[in-house]
Amino acid sequence: LVTVAALLPLLVALGFWALLPIPLPDRLAVIPESETRIDNVRPYDSVEKWAANGSQAGLHLLNPARAVYFDERIRAALQPPFRVLDAGCGGGLVSNA
């Protein structure tokens, strides 16, 4: 029986080291604040997001259909009056639809 450990030198020599399993980082580990940054504010903090042909053009194209879809689902599931929180969209386009 041949083990991976026994084949390791051969795999490395042949360039197959990329096929070997690598340990994944601990996704639950605390990330020091000094190693983090919030760099996604600028795209959502400009007037360009409201331009129909700007960087958020795809959202502008989808927004009418998205607004109708969610409006239908909310009306089918809830009784008025409705209270809606638009969370996570970034641009706030659904809120303004």
PDB file of N, CA and C in Angstrom:
ATOM      1  N   LEU A   1       0.850  -1.184   0.000  1.00  0.00           N
ATOM      2  CA  LEU A   1       0.000   0.000   0.000  1.00  0.00           C
ATOM      3  C   LEU A   1       0.892   1.243   0.000  1.00  0.00           C
ATOM      4  N   VAL A   2       0.642   2.148  -0.921  1.00  0.00           N
ATOM      5  CA  VAL A   2       1.439   3.365  -1.055  1.00  0.00           C
ATOM      6  C   VAL A   2       0.670   4.523  -0.423  1.00  0.00           C
ATOM      7  N   THR A   3       1.349   5.295   0.402  1.00  0.00           N
ATOM      8  CA  THR A   3       0.718   6.441   1.054  1.00  0.00           C
ATOM      9  C   THR A   3       1.080   7.733   0.324  1.00  0.00           C
ATOM     10  N   VAL A   4       0.299   8.773   0.586  1.00  0.00           N
ATOM     11  CA  VAL A   4       0.583  10.086   0.002  1.00  0.00           C
ATOM     12  C   VAL A   4       1.934  10.591   0.478  1.00  0.00           C
ATOM     13  N   ALA A   5       2.249  10.317   1.741  1.00  0.00           N
ATOM     14  CA  ALA A   5       3.543  10.755   2.285  1.00  0.00           C
ATOM     15  C   ALA A   5       4.692  10.133   1.506  1.00  0.00           C
ATOM     16  N   ALA A   6       4.529   8.885   1.108  1.00  0.00           N
ATOM     17  CA  ALA A   6       5.586   8.219   0.351  1.00  0.00           C
ATOM     18  C   ALA A   6       5.693   8.798  -1.059  1.00  0.00           C
ATOM     19  N   LEU A   7       4.577   9.225  -1.617  1.00  0.00           N
ATOM     20  CA  LEU A   7       4.572   9.769  -2.971  1.00  0.00           C
ATOM     21  C   LEU A   7       4.885  11.260  -3.028  1.00  0.00           C
ATOM     22  N   LEU A   8       4.881  11.926  -1.885  1.00  0.00           N
ATOM     23  CA  LEU A   8       5.050  13.372  -1.845  1.00  0.00           C
ATOM     24  C   LEU A   8       6.277  13.867  -2.604  1.00  0.00           C
ATOM     25  N   PRO A   9       7.465  13.310  -2.382  1.00  0.00           N
ATOM     26  CA  PRO A   9       8.632  13.806  -3.129  1.00  0.00           C
ATOM     27  C   PRO A   9       8.460  13.663  -4.644  1.00  0.00           C
ATOM     28  N   LEU A  10       7.862  12.581  -5.073  1.00  0.00           N
ATOM     29  CA  LEU A  10       7.649  12.372  -6.502  1.00  0.00           C
ATOM     30  C   LEU A  10       6.629  13.371  -7.059  1.00  0.00           C
ATOM     31  N   LEU A  11       5.540  13.588  -6.323  1.00  0.00           N
ATOM     32  CA  LEU A  11       4.519  14.532  -6.769  1.00  0.00           C
ATOM     33  C   LEU A  11       5.080  15.945  -6.878  1.00  0.00           C
ATOM     34  N   VAL A  12       5.889  16.335  -5.905  1.00  0.00           N
ATOM     35  CA  VAL A  12       6.506  17.666  -5.929  1.00  0.00           C
ATOM     36  C   VAL A  12       7.466  17.770  -7.104  1.00  0.00           C
ATOM     37  N   ALA A  13       8.269  16.740  -7.319  1.00  0.00           N
ATOM     38  CA  ALA A  13       9.241  16.744  -8.413  1.00  0.00           C
ATOM     39  C   ALA A  13       8.550  16.833  -9.771  1.00  0.00           C
ATOM     40  N   LEU A  14       7.398  16.214  -9.899  1.00  0.00           N
ATOM     41  CA  LEU A  14       6.672  16.222 -11.165  1.00  0.00           C
ATOM     42  C   LEU A  14       5.778  17.453 -11.334  1.00  0.00           C
ATOM     43  N   GLY A  15       5.718  18.295 -10.315  1.00  0.00           N
ATOM     44  CA  GLY A  15       4.911  19.499 -10.402  1.00  0.00           C
ATOM     45  C   GLY A  15       3.454  19.294 -10.035  1.00  0.00           C
ATOM     46  N   PHE A  16       3.138  18.171  -9.415  1.00  0.00           N
ATOM     47  CA  PHE A  16       1.763  17.900  -9.022  1.00  0.00           C
ATOM     48  C   PHE A  16       1.466  18.375  -7.607  1.00  0.00           C
ATOM     49  N   TRP A  17       2.310  19.218  -7.043  1.00  0.00           N
ATOM     50  CA  TRP A  17       2.101  19.698  -5.679  1.00  0.00           C
ATOM     51  C   TRP A  17       0.788  20.460  -5.555  1.00  0.00           C
ATOM     52  N   ALA A  18       0.308  21.059  -6.658  1.00  0.00           N
ATOM     53  CA  ALA A  18      -0.942  21.822  -6.608  1.00  0.00           C
ATOM     54  C   ALA A  18      -2.150  20.916  -6.400  1.00  0.00           C
ATOM     55  N   LEU A  19      -2.007  19.637  -6.663  1.00  0.00           N
ATOM     56  CA  LEU A  19      -3.112  18.698  -6.486  1.00  0.00           C
ATOM     57  C   LEU A  19      -3.253  18.227  -5.048  1.00  0.00           C
ATOM     58  N   LEU A  20      -2.244  18.500  -4.239  1.00  0.00           N
ATOM     59  CA  LEU A  20      -2.285  18.044  -2.855  1.00  0.00           C
ATOM     60  C   LEU A  20      -3.243  18.919  -2.047  1.00  0.00           C
ATOM     61  N   PRO A  21      -3.944  18.335  -1.099  1.00  0.00           N
ATOM     62  CA  PRO A  21      -4.858  19.138  -0.281  1.00  0.00           C
ATOM     63  C   PRO A  21      -4.089  20.145   0.564  1.00  0.00           C
ATOM     64  N   ILE A  22      -4.658  21.338   0.686  1.00  0.00           N
ATOM     65  CA  ILE A  22      -4.044  22.360   1.526  1.00  0.00           C
ATOM     66  C   ILE A  22      -5.000  22.679   2.670  1.00  0.00           C
ATOM     67  N   PRO A  23      -4.469  22.997   3.827  1.00  0.00           N
ATOM     68  CA  PRO A  23      -5.349  23.350   4.943  1.00  0.00           C
ATOM     69  C   PRO A  23      -6.022  24.695   4.679  1.00  0.00           C
ATOM     70  N   LEU A  24      -7.291  24.775   5.003  1.00  0.00           N
ATOM     71  CA  LEU A  24      -8.038  26.017   4.838  1.00  0.00           C
ATOM     72  C   LEU A  24      -7.916  26.862   6.098  1.00  0.00           C
ATOM     73  N   PRO A  25      -8.003  28.192   5.957  1.00  0.00           N
ATOM     74  CA  PRO A  25      -7.927  29.043   7.146  1.00  0.00           C
ATOM     75  C   PRO A  25      -9.143  28.825   8.040  1.00  0.00           C
ATOM     76  N   ASP A  26      -8.970  29.106   9.301  1.00  0.00           N
ATOM     77  CA  ASP A  26     -10.057  28.976  10.270  1.00  0.00           C
ATOM     78  C   ASP A  26     -11.030  30.130  10.056  1.00  0.00           C
ATOM     79  N   ARG A  27     -12.209  29.836   9.521  1.00  0.00           N
ATOM     80  CA  ARG A  27     -13.178  30.888   9.211  1.00  0.00           C
ATOM     81  C   ARG A  27     -13.820  31.473  10.453  1.00  0.00           C
ATOM     82  N   LEU A  28     -13.664  30.833  11.592  1.00  0.00           N
ATOM     83  CA  LEU A  28     -14.252  31.339  12.826  1.00  0.00           C
ATOM     84  C   LEU A  28     -13.257  32.115  13.678  1.00  0.00           C
ATOM     85  N   ALA A  29     -12.014  32.187  13.215  1.00  0.00           N
ATOM     86  CA  ALA A  29     -10.992  32.899  13.976  1.00  0.00           C
ATOM     87  C   ALA A  29     -11.278  34.401  13.971  1.00  0.00           C
ATOM     88  N   VAL A  30     -10.945  35.063  15.046  1.00  0.00           N
ATOM     89  CA  VAL A  30     -11.126  36.511  15.144  1.00  0.00           C
ATOM     90  C   VAL A  30     -10.084  37.197  14.272  1.00  0.00           C
ATOM     91  N   ILE A  31     -10.534  38.130  13.450  1.00  0.00           N
ATOM     92  CA  ILE A  31      -9.629  38.885  12.591  1.00  0.00           C
ATOM     93  C   ILE A  31      -9.294  40.188  13.303  1.00  0.00           C
ATOM     94  N   PRO A  32      -8.015  40.468  13.529  1.00  0.00           N
ATOM     95  CA  PRO A  32      -7.645  41.712  14.201  1.00  0.00           C
ATOM     96  C   PRO A  32      -8.144  42.928  13.413  1.00  0.00           C
ATOM     97  N   GLU A  33      -8.617  43.926  14.120  1.00  0.00           N
ATOM     98  CA  GLU A  33      -9.152  45.125  13.474  1.00  0.00           C
ATOM     99  C   GLU A  33      -8.115  45.798  12.583  1.00  0.00           C
ATOM    100  N   SER A  34      -6.838  45.676  12.946  1.00  0.00           N
ATOM    101  CA  SER A  34      -5.780  46.299  12.147  1.00  0.00           C
ATOM    102  C   SER A  34      -5.650  45.653  10.765  1.00  0.00           C
ATOM    103  N   GLU A  35      -6.199  44.454  10.590  1.00  0.00           N
ATOM    104  CA  GLU A  35      -6.117  43.756   9.308  1.00  0.00           C
ATOM    105  C   GLU A  35      -7.401  43.880   8.490  1.00  0.00           C
ATOM    106  N   THR A  36      -8.312  44.714   8.923  1.00  0.00           N
ATOM    107  CA  THR A  36      -9.574  44.873   8.200  1.00  0.00           C
ATOM    108  C   THR A  36      -9.705  46.291   7.683  1.00  0.00           C
ATOM    109  N   ARG A  37     -10.532  46.445   6.671  1.00  0.00           N
ATOM    110  CA  ARG A  37     -10.845  47.777   6.173  1.00  0.00           C
ATOM    111  C   ARG A  37     -12.195  47.717   5.468  1.00  0.00           C
ATOM    112  N   ILE A  38     -12.896  48.814   5.504  1.00  0.00           N
ATOM    113  CA  ILE A  38     -14.161  48.923   4.794  1.00  0.00           C
ATOM    114  C   ILE A  38     -13.874  49.733   3.543  1.00  0.00           C
ATOM    115  N   ASP A  39     -13.867  49.062   2.403  1.00  0.00           N
ATOM    116  CA  ASP A  39     -13.522  49.747   1.164  1.00  0.00           C
ATOM    117  C   ASP A  39     -14.652  49.702   0.137  1.00  0.00           C
ATOM    118  N   ASN A  40     -15.854  49.381   0.588  1.00  0.00           N
ATOM    119  CA  ASN A  40     -16.960  49.327  -0.359  1.00  0.00           C
ATOM    120  C   ASN A  40     -17.931  50.490  -0.179  1.00  0.00           C
ATOM    121  N   VAL A  41     -17.513  51.540   0.504  1.00  0.00           N
ATOM    122  CA  VAL A  41     -18.403  52.667   0.758  1.00  0.00           C
ATOM    123  C   VAL A  41     -18.495  53.569  -0.470  1.00  0.00           C
ATOM    124  N   ARG A  42     -17.377  53.830  -1.106  1.00  0.00           N
ATOM    125  CA  ARG A  42     -17.349  54.782  -2.221  1.00  0.00           C
ATOM    126  C   ARG A  42     -18.345  54.446  -3.341  1.00  0.00           C
ATOM    127  N   PRO A  43     -18.452  53.193  -3.816  1.00  0.00           N
ATOM    128  CA  PRO A  43     -19.409  52.929  -4.900  1.00  0.00           C
ATOM    129  C   PRO A  43     -20.849  53.252  -4.533  1.00  0.00           C
ATOM    130  N   TYR A  44     -21.197  53.141  -3.262  1.00  0.00           N
ATOM    131  CA  TYR A  44     -22.572  53.374  -2.847  1.00  0.00           C
ATOM    132  C   TYR A  44     -22.792  54.786  -2.327  1.00  0.00           C
ATOM    133  N   ASP A  45     -21.724  55.554  -2.232  1.00  0.00           N
ATOM    134  CA  ASP A  45     -21.819  56.875  -1.631  1.00  0.00           C
ATOM    135  C   ASP A  45     -21.685  57.981  -2.674  1.00  0.00           C
ATOM    136  N   SER A  46     -21.964  57.662  -3.921  1.00  0.00           N
ATOM    137  CA  SER A  46     -21.814  58.676  -4.958  1.00  0.00           C
ATOM    138  C   SER A  46     -23.116  58.833  -5.728  1.00  0.00           C
ATOM    139  N   VAL A  47     -23.210  59.938  -6.444  1.00  0.00           N
ATOM    140  CA  VAL A  47     -24.410  60.170  -7.251  1.00  0.00           C
ATOM    141  C   VAL A  47     -24.413  59.285  -8.493  1.00  0.00           C
ATOM    142  N   GLU A  48     -23.257  58.700  -8.821  1.00  0.00           N
ATOM    143  CA  GLU A  48     -23.181  57.838 -10.006  1.00  0.00           C
ATOM    144  C   GLU A  48     -24.123  56.646  -9.899  1.00  0.00           C
ATOM    145  N   LYS A  49     -24.397  56.197  -8.675  1.00  0.00           N
ATOM    146  CA  LYS A  49     -25.274  55.032  -8.519  1.00  0.00           C
ATOM    147  C   LYS A  49     -26.671  55.304  -9.049  1.00  0.00           C
ATOM    148  N   TRP A  50     -27.048  56.565  -9.137  1.00  0.00           N
ATOM    149  CA  TRP A  50     -28.388  56.906  -9.620  1.00  0.00           C
ATOM    150  C   TRP A  50     -28.427  57.075 -11.129  1.00  0.00           C
ATOM    151  N   ALA A  51     -27.268  57.098 -11.783  1.00  0.00           N
ATOM    152  CA  ALA A  51     -27.232  57.234 -13.241  1.00  0.00           C
ATOM    153  C   ALA A  51     -27.633  55.905 -13.878  1.00  0.00           C
ATOM    154  N   ALA A  52     -28.604  55.945 -14.775  1.00  0.00           N
ATOM    155  CA  ALA A  52     -29.113  54.716 -15.392  1.00  0.00           C
ATOM    156  C   ALA A  52     -28.038  53.968 -16.172  1.00  0.00           C
ATOM    157  N   ASN A  53     -27.016  54.663 -16.652  1.00  0.00           N
ATOM    158  CA  ASN A  53     -25.934  53.996 -17.379  1.00  0.00           C
ATOM    159  C   ASN A  53     -24.627  54.023 -16.595  1.00  0.00           C
ATOM    160  N   GLY A  54     -24.705  54.245 -15.292  1.00  0.00           N
ATOM    161  CA  GLY A  54     -23.516  54.293 -14.439  1.00  0.00           C
ATOM    162  C   GLY A  54     -23.078  52.910 -13.993  1.00  0.00           C
ATOM    163  N   SER A  55     -22.309  52.867 -12.933  1.00  0.00           N
ATOM    164  CA  SER A  55     -21.745  51.605 -12.450  1.00  0.00           C
ATOM    165  C   SER A  55     -22.808  50.649 -11.918  1.00  0.00           C
ATOM    166  N   GLN A  56     -23.971  51.162 -11.570  1.00  0.00           N
ATOM    167  CA  GLN A  56     -25.058  50.321 -11.056  1.00  0.00           C
ATOM    168  C   GLN A  56     -26.146  50.110 -12.117  1.00  0.00           C
ATOM    169  N   ALA A  57     -25.791  50.195 -13.388  1.00  0.00           N
ATOM    170  CA  ALA A  57     -26.769  50.098 -14.479  1.00  0.00           C
ATOM    171  C   ALA A  57     -27.556  48.792 -14.428  1.00  0.00           C
ATOM    172  N   GLY A  58     -26.903  47.702 -14.080  1.00  0.00           N
ATOM    173  CA  GLY A  58     -27.602  46.418 -13.995  1.00  0.00           C
ATOM    174  C   GLY A  58     -28.723  46.437 -12.975  1.00  0.00           C
ATOM    175  N   LEU A  59     -28.476  47.067 -11.845  1.00  0.00           N
ATOM    176  CA  LEU A  59     -29.526  47.181 -10.830  1.00  0.00           C
ATOM    177  C   LEU A  59     -30.692  48.022 -11.330  1.00  0.00           C
ATOM    178  N   HIS A  60     -30.385  49.073 -12.070  1.00  0.00           N
ATOM    179  CA  HIS A  60     -31.454  49.917 -12.604  1.00  0.00           C
ATOM    180  C   HIS A  60     -32.329  49.136 -13.583  1.00  0.00           C
ATOM    181  N   LEU A  61     -31.711  48.242 -14.359  1.00  0.00           N
ATOM    182  CA  LEU A  61     -32.485  47.433 -15.300  1.00  0.00           C
ATOM    183  C   LEU A  61     -33.363  46.419 -14.578  1.00  0.00           C
ATOM    184  N   LEU A  62     -32.843  45.827 -13.516  1.00  0.00           N
ATOM    185  CA  LEU A  62     -33.580  44.797 -12.783  1.00  0.00           C
ATOM    186  C   LEU A  62     -34.558  45.360 -11.765  1.00  0.00           C
ATOM    187  N   ASN A  63     -34.359  46.588 -11.355  1.00  0.00           N
ATOM    188  CA  ASN A  63     -35.123  47.130 -10.238  1.00  0.00           C
ATOM    189  C   ASN A  63     -36.638  47.106 -10.422  1.00  0.00           C
ATOM    190  N   PRO A  64     -37.183  47.485 -11.587  1.00  0.00           N
ATOM    191  CA  PRO A  64     -38.645  47.424 -11.718  1.00  0.00           C
ATOM    192  C   PRO A  64     -39.194  46.015 -11.493  1.00  0.00           C
ATOM    193  N   ALA A  65     -38.548  45.016 -12.060  1.00  0.00           N
ATOM    194  CA  ALA A  65     -39.011  43.633 -11.874  1.00  0.00           C
ATOM    195  C   ALA A  65     -38.837  43.187 -10.427  1.00  0.00           C
ATOM    196  N   ARG A  66     -37.735  43.581  -9.800  1.00  0.00           N
ATOM    197  CA  ARG A  66     -37.515  43.215  -8.395  1.00  0.00           C
ATOM    198  C   ARG A  66     -38.573  43.837  -7.504  1.00  0.00           C
ATOM    199  N   ALA A  67     -38.871  45.101  -7.745  1.00  0.00           N
ATOM    200  CA  ALA A  67     -39.849  45.791  -6.903  1.00  0.00           C
ATOM    201  C   ALA A  67     -41.223  45.146  -7.030  1.00  0.00           C
ATOM    202  N   VAL A  68     -41.633  44.820  -8.255  1.00  0.00           N
ATOM    203  CA  VAL A  68     -42.930  44.168  -8.463  1.00  0.00           C
ATOM    204  C   VAL A  68     -42.946  42.797  -7.802  1.00  0.00           C
ATOM    205  N   TYR A  69     -41.871  42.032  -7.972  1.00  0.00           N
ATOM    206  CA  TYR A  69     -41.795  40.689  -7.384  1.00  0.00           C
ATOM    207  C   TYR A  69     -41.984  40.750  -5.865  1.00  0.00           C
ATOM    208  N   PHE A  70     -41.214  41.591  -5.205  1.00  0.00           N
ATOM    209  CA  PHE A  70     -41.303  41.663  -3.745  1.00  0.00           C
ATOM    210  C   PHE A  70     -42.634  42.253  -3.289  1.00  0.00           C
ATOM    211  N   ASP A  71     -43.164  43.203  -4.037  1.00  0.00           N
ATOM    212  CA  ASP A  71     -44.468  43.766  -3.693  1.00  0.00           C
ATOM    213  C   ASP A  71     -45.544  42.680  -3.733  1.00  0.00           C
ATOM    214  N   GLU A  72     -45.523  41.854  -4.771  1.00  0.00           N
ATOM    215  CA  GLU A  72     -46.505  40.766  -4.877  1.00  0.00           C
ATOM    216  C   GLU A  72     -46.355  39.766  -3.739  1.00  0.00           C
ATOM    217  N   ARG A  73     -45.109  39.396  -3.412  1.00  0.00           N
ATOM    218  CA  ARG A  73     -44.871  38.417  -2.346  1.00  0.00           C
ATOM    219  C   ARG A  73     -45.299  38.965  -0.987  1.00  0.00           C
ATOM    220  N   ILE A  74     -45.003  40.222  -0.737  1.00  0.00           N
ATOM    221  CA  ILE A  74     -45.368  40.835   0.546  1.00  0.00           C
ATOM    222  C   ILE A  74     -46.885  40.908   0.681  1.00  0.00           C
ATOM    223  N   ARG A  75     -47.559  41.342  -0.375  1.00  0.00           N
ATOM    224  CA  ARG A  75     -49.024  41.453  -0.331  1.00  0.00           C
ATOM    225  C   ARG A  75     -49.689  40.087  -0.173  1.00  0.00           C
ATOM    226  N   ALA A  76     -49.073  39.037  -0.727  1.00  0.00           N
ATOM    227  CA  ALA A  76     -49.641  37.692  -0.610  1.00  0.00           C
ATOM    228  C   ALA A  76     -49.430  37.106   0.786  1.00  0.00           C
ATOM    229  N   ALA A  77     -48.379  37.532   1.463  1.00  0.00           N
ATOM    230  CA  ALA A  77     -48.025  36.917   2.746  1.00  0.00           C
ATOM    231  C   ALA A  77     -48.462  37.724   3.964  1.00  0.00           C
ATOM    232  N   LEU A  78     -48.617  39.025   3.829  1.00  0.00           N
ATOM    233  CA  LEU A  78     -48.878  39.883   4.985  1.00  0.00           C
ATOM    234  C   LEU A  78     -50.170  40.670   4.822  1.00  0.00           C
ATOM    235  N   GLN A  79     -50.654  41.135   5.923  1.00  0.00           N
ATOM    236  CA  GLN A  79     -51.827  42.006   5.920  1.00  0.00           C
ATOM    237  C   GLN A  79     -51.364  43.455   6.085  1.00  0.00           C
ATOM    238  N   PRO A  80     -52.019  44.405   5.415  1.00  0.00           N
ATOM    239  CA  PRO A  80     -51.641  45.808   5.601  1.00  0.00           C
ATOM    240  C   PRO A  80     -51.932  46.253   7.018  1.00  0.00           C
ATOM    241  N   PRO A  81     -51.265  47.259   7.526  1.00  0.00           N
ATOM    242  CA  PRO A  81     -50.260  48.083   6.862  1.00  0.00           C
ATOM    243  C   PRO A  81     -48.905  47.373   6.841  1.00  0.00           C
ATOM    244  N   PHE A  82     -48.146  47.624   5.788  1.00  0.00           N
ATOM    245  CA  PHE A  82     -46.846  46.990   5.614  1.00  0.00           C
ATOM    246  C   PHE A  82     -45.742  47.881   6.166  1.00  0.00           C
ATOM    247  N   ARG A  83     -44.767  47.264   6.773  1.00  0.00           N
ATOM    248  CA  ARG A  83     -43.549  47.957   7.199  1.00  0.00           C
ATOM    249  C   ARG A  83     -42.400  47.159   6.624  1.00  0.00           C
ATOM    250  N   VAL A  84     -41.588  47.783   5.800  1.00  0.00           N
ATOM    251  CA  VAL A  84     -40.529  47.092   5.078  1.00  0.00           C
ATOM    252  C   VAL A  84     -39.189  47.737   5.398  1.00  0.00           C
ATOM    253  N   LEU A  85     -38.204  46.914   5.647  1.00  0.00           N
ATOM    254  CA  LEU A  85     -36.826  47.371   5.830  1.00  0.00           C
ATOM    255  C   LEU A  85     -36.022  46.900   4.634  1.00  0.00           C
ATOM    256  N   ASP A  86     -35.468  47.815   3.881  1.00  0.00           N
ATOM    257  CA  ASP A  86     -34.625  47.490   2.732  1.00  0.00           C
ATOM    258  C   ASP A  86     -33.201  47.355   3.247  1.00  0.00           C
ATOM    259  N   ALA A  87     -32.798  46.154   3.558  1.00  0.00           N
ATOM    260  CA  ALA A  87     -31.475  45.923   4.149  1.00  0.00           C
ATOM    261  C   ALA A  87     -30.604  45.134   3.184  1.00  0.00           C
ATOM    262  N   GLY A  88     -29.391  45.579   3.012  1.00  0.00           N
ATOM    263  CA  GLY A  88     -28.413  44.801   2.283  1.00  0.00           C
ATOM    264  C   GLY A  88     -28.289  45.097   0.804  1.00  0.00           C
ATOM    265  N   CYS A  89     -29.065  45.989   0.253  1.00  0.00           N
ATOM    266  CA  CYS A  89     -28.954  46.229  -1.182  1.00  0.00           C
ATOM    267  C   CYS A  89     -27.810  47.181  -1.498  1.00  0.00           C
ATOM    268  N   GLY A  90     -27.393  47.959  -0.552  1.00  0.00           N
ATOM    269  CA  GLY A  90     -26.261  48.848  -0.769  1.00  0.00           C
ATOM    270  C   GLY A  90     -26.650  50.171  -1.388  1.00  0.00           C
ATOM    271  N   GLY A  91     -27.271  50.133  -2.554  1.00  0.00           N
ATOM    272  CA  GLY A  91     -27.643  51.368  -3.231  1.00  0.00           C
ATOM    273  C   GLY A  91     -28.956  51.956  -2.780  1.00  0.00           C
ATOM    274  N   GLY A  92     -29.788  51.169  -2.110  1.00  0.00           N
ATOM    275  CA  GLY A  92     -31.086  51.660  -1.680  1.00  0.00           C
ATOM    276  C   GLY A  92     -32.066  51.825  -2.826  1.00  0.00           C
ATOM    277  N   LEU A  93     -31.801  51.155  -3.947  1.00  0.00           N
ATOM    278  CA  LEU A  93     -32.638  51.336  -5.126  1.00  0.00           C
ATOM    279  C   LEU A  93     -34.036  50.768  -4.941  1.00  0.00           C
ATOM    280  N   VAL A  94     -34.169  49.693  -4.186  1.00  0.00           N
ATOM    281  CA  VAL A  94     -35.497  49.124  -3.964  1.00  0.00           C
ATOM    282  C   VAL A  94     -36.337  50.077  -3.131  1.00  0.00           C
ATOM    283  N   SER A  95     -35.728  50.729  -2.174  1.00  0.00           N
ATOM    284  CA  SER A  95     -36.461  51.688  -1.338  1.00  0.00           C
ATOM    285  C   SER A  95     -37.036  52.824  -2.156  1.00  0.00           C
ATOM    286  N   ASN A  96     -36.348  53.176  -3.208  1.00  0.00           N
ATOM    287  CA  ASN A  96     -36.768  54.314  -4.015  1.00  0.00           C
ATOM    288  C   ASN A  96     -37.530  53.909  -5.269  1.00  0.00           C
ATOM    289  N   ALA A  97     -37.862  52.633  -5.392  1.00  0.00           N
ATOM    290  CA  ALA A  97     -38.577  52.167  -6.597  1.00  0.00           C
ATOM    291  C   ALA A  97     -40.020  52.617  -6.561  1.00  0.00           C
TER     292      ALA A  97
END
